[in-house]
Amino acid sequence: MYCYGMHWFWWVFWVLLWIMFFSFLMPVRRTTYRKMQSPLKLLQTRYAAGEITSQEYEERRTKLLRDEHVK
């Protein structure tokens, strides 16, 4: 059984190959993912990881929330 001159298996093969190429071989880089996150979420992540102190967290959070309301 042929579809447009190609066996149906080859159509499935090429479709799966394209899906694999665009999903597995082109992952989102970590730096790109960080750019997609909001600044507040990044701040919370850094605080949870212990990279910043509670005082730094509160200061930066206050500035972010203040700047968010100004815009």
C-alpha atoms as a PDB file:
ATOM      1  CA  MET A   1       0.000   0.000   0.000  1.00  0.00           C
ATOM      2  CA  TYR A   2       1.497   3.312  -1.070  1.00  0.00           C
ATOM      3  CA  CYS A   3       0.658   6.889  -0.168  1.00  0.00           C
ATOM      4  CA  TYR A   4       1.858   9.511  -2.624  1.00  0.00           C
ATOM      5  CA  GLY A   5       4.676   7.298  -3.891  1.00  0.00           C
ATOM      6  CA  MET A   6       6.080   6.436  -0.452  1.00  0.00           C
ATOM      7  CA  HIS A   7       5.264   3.487   1.754  1.00  0.00           C
ATOM      8  CA  TRP A   8       3.311   4.509   4.876  1.00  0.00           C
ATOM      9  CA  PHE A   9       6.207   3.367   7.068  1.00  0.00           C
ATOM     10  CA  TRP A  10       8.462   6.032   5.586  1.00  0.00           C
ATOM     11  CA  TRP A  11       5.900   8.741   6.294  1.00  0.00           C
ATOM     12  CA  VAL A  12       5.777   7.644   9.925  1.00  0.00           C
ATOM     13  CA  PHE A  13       9.562   7.446  10.031  1.00  0.00           C
ATOM     14  CA  TRP A  14      10.054  11.024   8.757  1.00  0.00           C
ATOM     15  CA  VAL A  15       7.383  12.445  11.056  1.00  0.00           C
ATOM     16  CA  LEU A  16       8.943  10.756  14.087  1.00  0.00           C
ATOM     17  CA  LEU A  17      12.388  11.921  13.029  1.00  0.00           C
ATOM     18  CA  TRP A  18      11.193  15.552  12.888  1.00  0.00           C
ATOM     19  CA  ILE A  19       9.493  15.234  16.273  1.00  0.00           C
ATOM     20  CA  MET A  20      12.670  13.819  17.815  1.00  0.00           C
ATOM     21  CA  PHE A  21      14.798  16.539  16.246  1.00  0.00           C
ATOM     22  CA  PHE A  22      12.689  19.397  17.562  1.00  0.00           C
ATOM     23  CA  SER A  23      12.007  17.941  20.995  1.00  0.00           C
ATOM     24  CA  PHE A  24      15.132  16.056  22.068  1.00  0.00           C
ATOM     25  CA  LEU A  25      17.962  17.542  20.071  1.00  0.00           C
ATOM     26  CA  MET A  26      17.026  21.183  20.705  1.00  0.00           C
ATOM     27  CA  PRO A  27      16.458  21.444  24.474  1.00  0.00           C
ATOM     28  CA  VAL A  28      15.891  24.759  26.200  1.00  0.00           C
ATOM     29  CA  ARG A  29      19.180  25.931  27.614  1.00  0.00           C
ATOM     30  CA  ARG A  30      19.423  26.706  31.294  1.00  0.00           C
ATOM     31  CA  THR A  31      20.254  30.369  30.617  1.00  0.00           C
ATOM     32  CA  THR A  32      17.232  30.715  28.337  1.00  0.00           C
ATOM     33  CA  TYR A  33      15.020  29.093  30.963  1.00  0.00           C
ATOM     34  CA  ARG A  34      16.264  31.553  33.581  1.00  0.00           C
ATOM     35  CA  LYS A  35      15.402  34.457  31.299  1.00  0.00           C
ATOM     36  CA  MET A  36      11.853  33.129  31.007  1.00  0.00           C
ATOM     37  CA  GLN A  37      11.374  33.090  34.791  1.00  0.00           C
ATOM     38  CA  SER A  38      10.171  36.161  36.627  1.00  0.00           C
ATOM     39  CA  PRO A  39      12.684  38.068  38.776  1.00  0.00           C
ATOM     40  CA  LEU A  40      10.665  37.340  41.919  1.00  0.00           C
ATOM     41  CA  LYS A  41      10.693  33.601  41.203  1.00  0.00           C
ATOM     42  CA  LEU A  42      14.465  33.712  40.665  1.00  0.00           C
ATOM     43  CA  LEU A  43      14.880  35.544  43.964  1.00  0.00           C
ATOM     44  CA  GLN A  44      12.807  32.915  45.776  1.00  0.00           C
ATOM     45  CA  THR A  45      14.862  30.141  44.205  1.00  0.00           C
ATOM     46  CA  ARG A  46      18.139  31.751  45.282  1.00  0.00           C
ATOM     47  CA  TYR A  47      16.805  32.237  48.818  1.00  0.00           C
ATOM     48  CA  ALA A  48      15.638  28.629  49.017  1.00  0.00           C
ATOM     49  CA  ALA A  49      19.045  27.432  47.802  1.00  0.00           C
ATOM     50  CA  GLY A  50      20.756  29.457  50.549  1.00  0.00           C
ATOM     51  CA  GLU A  51      22.616  31.757  48.168  1.00  0.00           C
ATOM     52  CA  ILE A  52      21.311  34.901  49.887  1.00  0.00           C
ATOM     53  CA  THR A  53      20.414  35.764  53.473  1.00  0.00           C
ATOM     54  CA  SER A  54      16.964  36.583  54.817  1.00  0.00           C
ATOM     55  CA  GLN A  55      17.835  40.269  55.026  1.00  0.00           C
ATOM     56  CA  GLU A  56      19.021  40.359  51.395  1.00  0.00           C
ATOM     57  CA  TYR A  57      15.906  38.491  50.342  1.00  0.00           C
ATOM     58  CA  GLU A  58      13.569  40.943  52.063  1.00  0.00           C
ATOM     59  CA  GLU A  59      15.393  44.000  50.670  1.00  0.00           C
ATOM     60  CA  ARG A  60      15.409  42.705  47.111  1.00  0.00           C
ATOM     61  CA  ARG A  61      11.821  41.483  47.353  1.00  0.00           C
ATOM     62  CA  THR A  62      10.680  44.905  48.548  1.00  0.00           C
ATOM     63  CA  LYS A  63      12.491  46.600  45.652  1.00  0.00           C
ATOM     64  CA  LEU A  64      11.038  44.175  43.101  1.00  0.00           C
ATOM     65  CA  LEU A  65       7.501  44.603  44.380  1.00  0.00           C
ATOM     66  CA  ARG A  66       7.885  48.387  44.535  1.00  0.00           C
ATOM     67  CA  ASP A  67       9.250  48.509  40.971  1.00  0.00           C
ATOM     68  CA  GLU A  68       6.449  46.233  39.801  1.00  0.00           C
ATOM     69  CA  HIS A  69       3.804  48.663  41.077  1.00  0.00           C
ATOM     70  CA  VAL A  70       5.551  51.677  39.528  1.00  0.00           C
ATOM     71  CA  LYS A  71       5.304  50.254  36.006  1.00  0.00           C
END
